[in-house]
Amino acid sequence: MRGNVDKDLILSQCHGEDSYKAYREKVQKYSEEESKVFENLRHGIIFGTKRYLNKITAKHLKKESDAELPQLNRIIKDKDPAKLLKSAAKVINFNLTKLSQSDRILKKDLQDRDVLLYFLRGTGLYTNKQIGELFGLTYSAVSRRANIVKSEISKQSEMRQKYSLIKSMIKV
């Protein structure tokens, strides 16, 4: 005699926004089953992993955006802001952990943070909200700080030099 399986009980053990998807992923991982083809569809045109997408874009796609190719624009903008921030911070020898360790930031560190913020905003790849999440700021604070840096950078040679150094070392 067969017993009934309580679907709700099983799905309650799978955490996440979509318990059906979480269950499917758990079973696929356990059974070492490949994921479905359409689960790896990227940008509506490329099948494969994120790593494969990066390889294809580096080899075949032009780097500048085109108003007539929205899919291309989405691919170009699909860059991890945290990685870009880490690279930019390395260029100016700024320790990013200073931002998360203290509520109060030294003036020199504040200037470096603002130069990094201004650089990320200047790429045009990220929203103020995305940038704010990296720095622990609101989206409106990002806008405010970027405007302050824009006026300060013309007055302070040290800030201008750091910004120029980042822009010359990191091509976006």
N, C-alpha and C. Protein backbone atom coordinates (compact mmCIF):
# COMPACT_ATOMS: atom_id res chain seq x y z
N MET A 1 0.84 -1.18 0.00
CA MET A 1 0.00 0.00 0.00
C MET A 1 0.88 1.23 0.00
N ARG A 2 0.56 2.16 -0.86
CA ARG A 2 1.34 3.38 -0.97
C ARG A 2 0.86 4.43 0.03
N GLY A 3 1.83 5.15 0.57
CA GLY A 3 1.48 6.25 1.46
C GLY A 3 1.45 7.55 0.68
N ASN A 4 0.71 8.49 1.17
CA ASN A 4 0.64 9.80 0.52
C ASN A 4 1.82 10.65 0.97
N VAL A 5 2.38 11.39 0.04
CA VAL A 5 3.48 12.30 0.34
C VAL A 5 2.88 13.67 0.61
N ASP A 6 3.30 14.26 1.71
CA ASP A 6 2.80 15.59 2.05
C ASP A 6 3.70 16.65 1.39
N LYS A 7 3.22 17.16 0.28
CA LYS A 7 3.97 18.13 -0.51
C LYS A 7 4.33 19.37 0.33
N ASP A 8 3.40 19.86 1.10
CA ASP A 8 3.65 21.06 1.91
C ASP A 8 4.74 20.85 2.95
N LEU A 9 4.79 19.65 3.52
CA LEU A 9 5.82 19.32 4.49
C LEU A 9 7.20 19.35 3.83
N ILE A 10 7.31 18.75 2.66
CA ILE A 10 8.59 18.71 1.96
C ILE A 10 9.02 20.11 1.56
N LEU A 11 8.10 20.90 0.99
CA LEU A 11 8.44 22.25 0.54
C LEU A 11 8.77 23.18 1.71
N SER A 12 8.23 22.88 2.89
CA SER A 12 8.54 23.72 4.06
C SER A 12 10.00 23.59 4.49
N GLN A 13 10.66 22.50 4.05
CA GLN A 13 12.07 22.30 4.38
C GLN A 13 13.00 23.04 3.41
N CYS A 14 12.44 23.59 2.34
CA CYS A 14 13.22 24.29 1.32
C CYS A 14 13.02 25.78 1.51
N HIS A 15 14.09 26.46 1.89
CA HIS A 15 13.98 27.87 2.24
C HIS A 15 14.31 28.74 1.04
N GLY A 16 13.72 29.89 0.99
CA GLY A 16 13.95 30.84 -0.09
C GLY A 16 12.63 31.42 -0.54
N GLU A 17 12.72 32.36 -1.48
CA GLU A 17 11.49 32.99 -1.97
C GLU A 17 10.62 32.00 -2.71
N ASP A 18 11.24 31.13 -3.51
CA ASP A 18 10.50 30.15 -4.30
C ASP A 18 10.86 28.76 -3.79
N SER A 19 9.99 28.17 -2.99
CA SER A 19 10.30 26.88 -2.39
C SER A 19 10.36 25.77 -3.45
N TYR A 20 9.59 25.90 -4.52
CA TYR A 20 9.65 24.90 -5.60
C TYR A 20 11.03 24.91 -6.26
N LYS A 21 11.54 26.10 -6.54
CA LYS A 21 12.86 26.23 -7.16
C LYS A 21 13.94 25.71 -6.20
N ALA A 22 13.82 26.06 -4.91
CA ALA A 22 14.79 25.61 -3.92
C ALA A 22 14.79 24.08 -3.84
N TYR A 23 13.60 23.47 -3.88
CA TYR A 23 13.51 22.01 -3.85
C TYR A 23 14.17 21.40 -5.09
N ARG A 24 13.86 21.97 -6.26
CA ARG A 24 14.42 21.45 -7.51
C ARG A 24 15.95 21.54 -7.49
N GLU A 25 16.50 22.66 -7.03
CA GLU A 25 17.95 22.83 -6.96
C GLU A 25 18.58 21.83 -5.98
N LYS A 26 17.89 21.62 -4.86
CA LYS A 26 18.39 20.67 -3.86
C LYS A 26 18.46 19.26 -4.43
N VAL A 27 17.40 18.86 -5.13
CA VAL A 27 17.35 17.52 -5.73
C VAL A 27 18.40 17.39 -6.84
N GLN A 28 18.53 18.44 -7.66
CA GLN A 28 19.52 18.41 -8.74
C GLN A 28 20.93 18.29 -8.17
N LYS A 29 21.20 19.01 -7.10
CA LYS A 29 22.53 18.96 -6.49
C LYS A 29 22.79 17.57 -5.90
N TYR A 30 21.80 17.03 -5.20
CA TYR A 30 21.94 15.72 -4.58
C TYR A 30 22.16 14.63 -5.63
N SER A 31 21.41 14.71 -6.73
CA SER A 31 21.49 13.67 -7.76
C SER A 31 22.58 13.94 -8.79
N GLU A 32 23.28 15.05 -8.61
CA GLU A 32 24.31 15.48 -9.55
C GLU A 32 23.75 15.61 -10.96
N GLU A 33 22.51 16.02 -11.05
CA GLU A 33 21.83 16.21 -12.33
C GLU A 33 22.16 17.61 -12.85
N GLU A 34 22.37 17.70 -14.13
CA GLU A 34 22.61 19.00 -14.74
C GLU A 34 21.34 19.84 -14.61
N SER A 35 21.53 21.14 -14.53
CA SER A 35 20.36 22.01 -14.48
C SER A 35 19.71 22.08 -15.85
N LYS A 36 18.51 22.54 -15.91
CA LYS A 36 17.79 22.64 -17.17
C LYS A 36 18.45 23.71 -18.05
N VAL A 37 18.36 23.54 -19.34
CA VAL A 37 19.01 24.45 -20.29
C VAL A 37 18.58 25.90 -20.08
N PHE A 38 17.28 26.13 -19.92
CA PHE A 38 16.80 27.50 -19.81
C PHE A 38 17.13 28.15 -18.47
N GLU A 39 17.58 27.38 -17.49
CA GLU A 39 18.00 27.95 -16.22
C GLU A 39 19.31 28.71 -16.38
N ASN A 40 20.06 28.41 -17.44
CA ASN A 40 21.33 29.08 -17.68
C ASN A 40 21.26 30.06 -18.85
N LEU A 41 20.08 30.49 -19.22
CA LEU A 41 19.93 31.47 -20.29
C LEU A 41 20.36 32.83 -19.76
N ARG A 42 21.32 33.45 -20.44
CA ARG A 42 21.86 34.74 -20.00
C ARG A 42 21.50 35.82 -21.01
N HIS A 43 20.91 36.89 -20.55
CA HIS A 43 20.61 38.06 -21.38
C HIS A 43 19.75 37.72 -22.59
N GLY A 44 19.01 36.62 -22.53
CA GLY A 44 18.10 36.28 -23.60
C GLY A 44 18.75 35.76 -24.86
N ILE A 45 20.08 35.68 -24.91
CA ILE A 45 20.70 35.26 -26.16
C ILE A 45 21.81 34.23 -26.00
N ILE A 46 22.33 34.05 -24.81
CA ILE A 46 23.47 33.16 -24.62
C ILE A 46 23.14 32.10 -23.58
N PHE A 47 23.38 30.83 -23.93
CA PHE A 47 23.20 29.74 -23.00
C PHE A 47 24.54 29.44 -22.34
N GLY A 48 24.54 29.24 -21.03
CA GLY A 48 25.77 28.85 -20.35
C GLY A 48 25.93 29.52 -19.01
N THR A 49 27.04 29.25 -18.39
CA THR A 49 27.33 29.80 -17.07
C THR A 49 27.78 31.25 -17.20
N LYS A 50 27.87 31.90 -16.07
CA LYS A 50 28.36 33.29 -16.02
C LYS A 50 29.79 33.35 -16.57
N ARG A 51 30.60 32.37 -16.22
CA ARG A 51 31.98 32.32 -16.70
C ARG A 51 32.04 32.23 -18.22
N TYR A 52 31.17 31.39 -18.79
CA TYR A 52 31.10 31.25 -20.24
C TYR A 52 30.66 32.57 -20.89
N LEU A 53 29.68 33.24 -20.29
CA LEU A 53 29.22 34.53 -20.81
C LEU A 53 30.37 35.53 -20.84
N ASN A 54 31.15 35.59 -19.76
CA ASN A 54 32.29 36.51 -19.72
C ASN A 54 33.30 36.21 -20.81
N LYS A 55 33.55 34.94 -21.06
CA LYS A 55 34.50 34.53 -22.10
C LYS A 55 33.99 34.97 -23.48
N ILE A 56 32.73 34.74 -23.76
CA ILE A 56 32.14 35.12 -25.05
C ILE A 56 32.14 36.63 -25.23
N THR A 57 31.74 37.37 -24.21
CA THR A 57 31.69 38.82 -24.35
C THR A 57 33.08 39.41 -24.56
N ALA A 58 34.08 38.90 -23.86
CA ALA A 58 35.43 39.41 -24.02
C ALA A 58 35.96 39.16 -25.44
N LYS A 59 35.57 38.05 -25.99
CA LYS A 59 36.11 37.67 -27.30
C LYS A 59 35.36 38.30 -28.47
N HIS A 60 34.03 38.42 -28.37
CA HIS A 60 33.25 38.76 -29.55
C HIS A 60 32.48 40.08 -29.53
N LEU A 61 32.19 40.62 -28.39
CA LEU A 61 31.34 41.80 -28.37
C LEU A 61 32.14 43.08 -28.25
N LYS A 62 31.64 44.12 -28.92
CA LYS A 62 32.30 45.41 -28.79
C LYS A 62 32.06 45.95 -27.39
N LYS A 63 32.95 46.81 -26.96
CA LYS A 63 32.93 47.26 -25.57
C LYS A 63 32.02 48.46 -25.31
N GLU A 64 31.71 49.25 -26.36
CA GLU A 64 30.89 50.43 -26.14
C GLU A 64 29.42 50.11 -26.38
N SER A 65 28.56 50.82 -25.67
CA SER A 65 27.14 50.55 -25.78
C SER A 65 26.59 51.10 -27.10
N ASP A 66 25.44 50.61 -27.48
CA ASP A 66 24.79 51.01 -28.71
C ASP A 66 23.30 51.14 -28.41
N ALA A 67 22.73 52.30 -28.68
CA ALA A 67 21.32 52.55 -28.36
C ALA A 67 20.38 51.57 -29.05
N GLU A 68 20.80 51.02 -30.18
CA GLU A 68 19.95 50.11 -30.94
C GLU A 68 20.09 48.65 -30.51
N LEU A 69 20.99 48.38 -29.57
CA LEU A 69 21.21 47.01 -29.11
C LEU A 69 21.06 46.91 -27.59
N PRO A 70 19.82 46.88 -27.10
CA PRO A 70 19.62 46.86 -25.65
C PRO A 70 20.21 45.63 -24.96
N GLN A 71 20.20 44.48 -25.64
CA GLN A 71 20.78 43.28 -25.03
C GLN A 71 22.28 43.47 -24.82
N LEU A 72 22.96 44.05 -25.80
CA LEU A 72 24.39 44.33 -25.68
C LEU A 72 24.63 45.28 -24.51
N ASN A 73 23.82 46.31 -24.41
CA ASN A 73 23.97 47.28 -23.32
C ASN A 73 23.82 46.60 -21.96
N ARG A 74 22.89 45.65 -21.85
CA ARG A 74 22.71 44.93 -20.60
C ARG A 74 23.93 44.07 -20.27
N ILE A 75 24.51 43.46 -21.29
CA ILE A 75 25.70 42.63 -21.08
C ILE A 75 26.88 43.51 -20.64
N ILE A 76 27.04 44.65 -21.30
CA ILE A 76 28.15 45.54 -20.97
C ILE A 76 28.02 46.03 -19.52
N LYS A 77 26.81 46.31 -19.11
CA LYS A 77 26.59 46.83 -17.75
C LYS A 77 26.62 45.75 -16.68
N ASP A 78 26.67 44.49 -17.08
CA ASP A 78 26.62 43.39 -16.13
C ASP A 78 28.00 43.13 -15.53
N LYS A 79 28.48 44.07 -14.75
CA LYS A 79 29.76 43.95 -14.08
C LYS A 79 29.52 44.09 -12.57
N ASP A 80 30.22 43.32 -11.80
CA ASP A 80 30.05 43.31 -10.36
C ASP A 80 30.64 44.59 -9.76
N PRO A 81 29.81 45.44 -9.16
CA PRO A 81 30.32 46.70 -8.60
C PRO A 81 31.31 46.48 -7.45
N ALA A 82 31.13 45.39 -6.69
CA ALA A 82 32.04 45.12 -5.57
C ALA A 82 33.45 44.82 -6.07
N LYS A 83 33.55 44.08 -7.18
CA LYS A 83 34.87 43.77 -7.75
C LYS A 83 35.53 45.02 -8.28
N LEU A 84 34.75 45.86 -8.95
CA LEU A 84 35.30 47.10 -9.48
C LEU A 84 35.76 48.01 -8.35
N LEU A 85 34.98 48.08 -7.28
CA LEU A 85 35.36 48.89 -6.12
C LEU A 85 36.65 48.37 -5.50
N LYS A 86 36.75 47.07 -5.36
CA LYS A 86 37.96 46.46 -4.79
C LYS A 86 39.19 46.80 -5.63
N SER A 87 39.06 46.72 -6.94
CA SER A 87 40.18 47.04 -7.84
C SER A 87 40.56 48.52 -7.73
N ALA A 88 39.56 49.39 -7.69
CA ALA A 88 39.83 50.83 -7.60
C ALA A 88 40.48 51.17 -6.26
N ALA A 89 40.01 50.55 -5.19
CA ALA A 89 40.59 50.79 -3.86
C ALA A 89 42.04 50.35 -3.81
N LYS A 90 42.34 49.26 -4.49
CA LYS A 90 43.71 48.75 -4.53
C LYS A 90 44.64 49.75 -5.23
N VAL A 91 44.14 50.40 -6.26
CA VAL A 91 44.94 51.37 -7.02
C VAL A 91 45.40 52.52 -6.13
N ILE A 92 44.53 52.99 -5.23
CA ILE A 92 44.90 54.12 -4.37
C ILE A 92 45.28 53.67 -2.96
N ASN A 93 45.51 52.37 -2.80
CA ASN A 93 45.92 51.81 -1.50
C ASN A 93 44.94 52.15 -0.38
N PHE A 94 43.66 51.95 -0.65
CA PHE A 94 42.65 52.22 0.35
C PHE A 94 42.11 50.90 0.89
N ASN A 95 42.10 50.77 2.20
CA ASN A 95 41.62 49.56 2.85
C ASN A 95 40.10 49.68 3.03
N LEU A 96 39.35 48.89 2.29
CA LEU A 96 37.89 48.97 2.33
C LEU A 96 37.29 48.57 3.67
N THR A 97 38.02 47.81 4.46
CA THR A 97 37.48 47.41 5.77
C THR A 97 37.34 48.60 6.70
N LYS A 98 38.04 49.68 6.42
CA LYS A 98 37.89 50.90 7.24
C LYS A 98 36.46 51.41 7.19
N LEU A 99 35.78 51.18 6.08
CA LEU A 99 34.41 51.67 5.93
C LEU A 99 33.43 50.92 6.81
N SER A 100 33.68 49.64 7.01
CA SER A 100 32.72 48.84 7.77
C SER A 100 33.07 48.71 9.25
N GLN A 101 34.31 49.04 9.61
CA GLN A 101 34.73 48.84 10.99
C GLN A 101 34.33 49.98 11.92
N SER A 102 34.12 51.15 11.38
CA SER A 102 33.88 52.29 12.24
C SER A 102 32.71 53.13 11.73
N ASP A 103 31.98 53.72 12.67
CA ASP A 103 30.90 54.62 12.28
C ASP A 103 31.48 55.97 11.86
N ARG A 104 32.64 56.27 12.39
CA ARG A 104 33.28 57.56 12.11
C ARG A 104 34.50 57.32 11.21
N ILE A 105 34.57 58.11 10.14
CA ILE A 105 35.65 57.94 9.16
C ILE A 105 36.55 59.17 9.22
N LEU A 106 37.87 58.91 9.21
CA LEU A 106 38.83 60.01 9.19
C LEU A 106 38.68 60.82 7.91
N LYS A 107 39.06 62.11 7.96
CA LYS A 107 38.88 62.99 6.81
C LYS A 107 39.60 62.46 5.56
N LYS A 108 40.83 61.96 5.73
CA LYS A 108 41.59 61.44 4.59
C LYS A 108 40.87 60.22 4.01
N ASP A 109 40.38 59.35 4.88
CA ASP A 109 39.66 58.16 4.43
C ASP A 109 38.33 58.55 3.76
N LEU A 110 37.71 59.59 4.28
CA LEU A 110 36.46 60.08 3.70
C LEU A 110 36.70 60.57 2.27
N GLN A 111 37.80 61.28 2.06
CA GLN A 111 38.12 61.76 0.71
C GLN A 111 38.38 60.58 -0.23
N ASP A 112 39.11 59.59 0.23
CA ASP A 112 39.36 58.41 -0.60
C ASP A 112 38.06 57.68 -0.91
N ARG A 113 37.21 57.52 0.09
CA ARG A 113 35.92 56.88 -0.13
C ARG A 113 35.11 57.64 -1.17
N ASP A 114 35.13 58.97 -1.06
CA ASP A 114 34.36 59.79 -1.99
C ASP A 114 34.91 59.73 -3.41
N VAL A 115 36.23 59.60 -3.54
CA VAL A 115 36.83 59.46 -4.87
C VAL A 115 36.39 58.12 -5.47
N LEU A 116 36.38 57.08 -4.66
CA LEU A 116 35.93 55.77 -5.12
C LEU A 116 34.45 55.80 -5.52
N LEU A 117 33.65 56.43 -4.70
CA LEU A 117 32.23 56.59 -4.97
C LEU A 117 32.02 57.36 -6.28
N TYR A 118 32.76 58.44 -6.45
CA TYR A 118 32.66 59.27 -7.65
C TYR A 118 33.08 58.49 -8.89
N PHE A 119 34.10 57.66 -8.75
CA PHE A 119 34.54 56.83 -9.86
C PHE A 119 33.44 55.85 -10.28
N LEU A 120 32.86 55.14 -9.29
CA LEU A 120 31.80 54.18 -9.60
C LEU A 120 30.60 54.86 -10.25
N ARG A 121 30.26 56.01 -9.74
CA ARG A 121 29.11 56.73 -10.30
C ARG A 121 29.42 57.22 -11.70
N GLY A 122 30.65 57.62 -11.92
CA GLY A 122 31.06 58.12 -13.23
C GLY A 122 31.08 57.06 -14.31
N THR A 123 31.12 55.78 -13.93
CA THR A 123 31.10 54.73 -14.95
C THR A 123 29.75 54.66 -15.63
N GLY A 124 28.70 55.07 -14.91
CA GLY A 124 27.35 54.99 -15.46
C GLY A 124 26.78 53.58 -15.47
N LEU A 125 27.49 52.65 -14.86
CA LEU A 125 27.05 51.26 -14.86
C LEU A 125 26.12 50.92 -13.70
N TYR A 126 26.13 51.74 -12.67
CA TYR A 126 25.42 51.38 -11.44
C TYR A 126 24.49 52.50 -11.00
N THR A 127 23.44 52.10 -10.32
CA THR A 127 22.51 53.08 -9.76
C THR A 127 23.09 53.61 -8.45
N ASN A 128 22.56 54.72 -8.02
CA ASN A 128 22.99 55.27 -6.72
C ASN A 128 22.70 54.28 -5.60
N LYS A 129 21.62 53.53 -5.74
CA LYS A 129 21.27 52.55 -4.71
C LYS A 129 22.34 51.45 -4.64
N GLN A 130 22.78 50.95 -5.80
CA GLN A 130 23.82 49.91 -5.81
C GLN A 130 25.12 50.43 -5.19
N ILE A 131 25.49 51.64 -5.54
CA ILE A 131 26.71 52.23 -5.01
C ILE A 131 26.57 52.45 -3.51
N GLY A 132 25.42 52.94 -3.10
CA GLY A 132 25.17 53.18 -1.68
C GLY A 132 25.28 51.92 -0.84
N GLU A 133 24.82 50.80 -1.38
CA GLU A 133 24.90 49.53 -0.65
C GLU A 133 26.36 49.14 -0.38
N LEU A 134 27.25 49.47 -1.30
CA LEU A 134 28.67 49.16 -1.12
C LEU A 134 29.31 50.00 -0.02
N PHE A 135 28.82 51.23 0.13
CA PHE A 135 29.43 52.16 1.08
C PHE A 135 28.60 52.36 2.35
N GLY A 136 27.46 51.72 2.43
CA GLY A 136 26.60 51.91 3.59
C GLY A 136 25.93 53.28 3.60
N LEU A 137 25.59 53.77 2.40
CA LEU A 137 24.95 55.07 2.26
C LEU A 137 23.60 54.92 1.57
N THR A 138 22.75 55.92 1.74
CA THR A 138 21.48 55.92 1.01
C THR A 138 21.75 56.40 -0.41
N TYR A 139 20.79 56.15 -1.30
CA TYR A 139 20.98 56.57 -2.68
C TYR A 139 21.07 58.09 -2.80
N SER A 140 20.36 58.80 -1.94
CA SER A 140 20.43 60.27 -1.99
C SER A 140 21.77 60.77 -1.45
N ALA A 141 22.34 60.07 -0.48
CA ALA A 141 23.66 60.46 0.04
C ALA A 141 24.72 60.25 -1.04
N VAL A 142 24.57 59.22 -1.86
CA VAL A 142 25.51 58.98 -2.96
C VAL A 142 25.46 60.15 -3.93
N SER A 143 24.28 60.58 -4.26
CA SER A 143 24.12 61.72 -5.17
C SER A 143 24.74 62.98 -4.59
N ARG A 144 24.47 63.21 -3.32
CA ARG A 144 25.01 64.39 -2.63
C ARG A 144 26.53 64.35 -2.59
N ARG A 145 27.10 63.20 -2.20
CA ARG A 145 28.56 63.08 -2.10
C ARG A 145 29.21 63.23 -3.48
N ALA A 146 28.59 62.68 -4.51
CA ALA A 146 29.14 62.79 -5.87
C ALA A 146 29.18 64.25 -6.32
N ASN A 147 28.15 65.00 -5.99
CA ASN A 147 28.14 66.42 -6.35
C ASN A 147 29.20 67.20 -5.58
N ILE A 148 29.41 66.85 -4.33
CA ILE A 148 30.46 67.50 -3.54
C ILE A 148 31.83 67.19 -4.12
N VAL A 149 32.06 65.92 -4.46
CA VAL A 149 33.35 65.53 -5.04
C VAL A 149 33.58 66.23 -6.37
N LYS A 150 32.53 66.35 -7.15
CA LYS A 150 32.66 67.02 -8.45
C LYS A 150 33.19 68.44 -8.30
N SER A 151 32.73 69.14 -7.29
CA SER A 151 33.22 70.51 -7.07
C SER A 151 34.59 70.52 -6.38
N GLU A 152 34.82 69.58 -5.46
CA GLU A 152 36.08 69.52 -4.72
C GLU A 152 37.26 69.05 -5.57
N ILE A 153 36.98 68.18 -6.52
CA ILE A 153 38.05 67.58 -7.30
C ILE A 153 38.78 68.62 -8.14
N SER A 154 38.07 69.66 -8.51
CA SER A 154 38.73 70.73 -9.28
C SER A 154 39.60 71.61 -8.38
N LYS A 155 39.35 71.60 -7.09
CA LYS A 155 40.10 72.44 -6.15
C LYS A 155 41.26 71.69 -5.49
N GLN A 156 41.09 70.39 -5.25
CA GLN A 156 42.08 69.63 -4.50
C GLN A 156 42.87 68.71 -5.44
N SER A 157 44.16 69.03 -5.55
CA SER A 157 45.00 68.27 -6.48
C SER A 157 45.16 66.80 -6.06
N GLU A 158 45.20 66.53 -4.76
CA GLU A 158 45.36 65.15 -4.30
C GLU A 158 44.18 64.28 -4.72
N MET A 159 42.97 64.80 -4.56
CA MET A 159 41.77 64.06 -4.98
C MET A 159 41.78 63.87 -6.49
N ARG A 160 42.13 64.92 -7.21
CA ARG A 160 42.16 64.86 -8.67
C ARG A 160 43.17 63.82 -9.15
N GLN A 161 44.34 63.77 -8.50
CA GLN A 161 45.36 62.81 -8.87
C GLN A 161 44.90 61.37 -8.62
N LYS A 162 44.26 61.15 -7.49
CA LYS A 162 43.77 59.80 -7.18
C LYS A 162 42.70 59.37 -8.17
N TYR A 163 41.81 60.28 -8.48
CA TYR A 163 40.75 59.96 -9.44
C TYR A 163 41.35 59.66 -10.82
N SER A 164 42.30 60.47 -11.24
CA SER A 164 42.96 60.25 -12.53
C SER A 164 43.72 58.93 -12.55
N LEU A 165 44.35 58.61 -11.45
CA LEU A 165 45.08 57.35 -11.35
C LEU A 165 44.13 56.16 -11.50
N ILE A 166 43.01 56.21 -10.81
CA ILE A 166 42.03 55.12 -10.91
C ILE A 166 41.53 55.01 -12.34
N LYS A 167 41.17 56.14 -12.95
CA LYS A 167 40.64 56.11 -14.31
C LYS A 167 41.67 55.58 -15.31
N SER A 168 42.94 55.89 -15.08
CA SER A 168 43.97 55.43 -16.02
C SER A 168 44.29 53.95 -15.84
N MET A 169 44.15 53.45 -14.62
CA MET A 169 44.51 52.04 -14.34
C MET A 169 43.34 51.08 -14.60
N ILE A 170 42.11 51.56 -14.47
CA ILE A 170 40.94 50.69 -14.62
C ILE A 170 40.10 51.17 -15.78
N LYS A 171 40.04 50.37 -16.80
CA LYS A 171 39.24 50.69 -17.97
C LYS A 171 37.88 50.02 -17.83
N VAL A 172 36.85 50.82 -17.93
CA VAL A 172 35.50 50.29 -17.82
C VAL A 172 34.76 50.55 -19.11
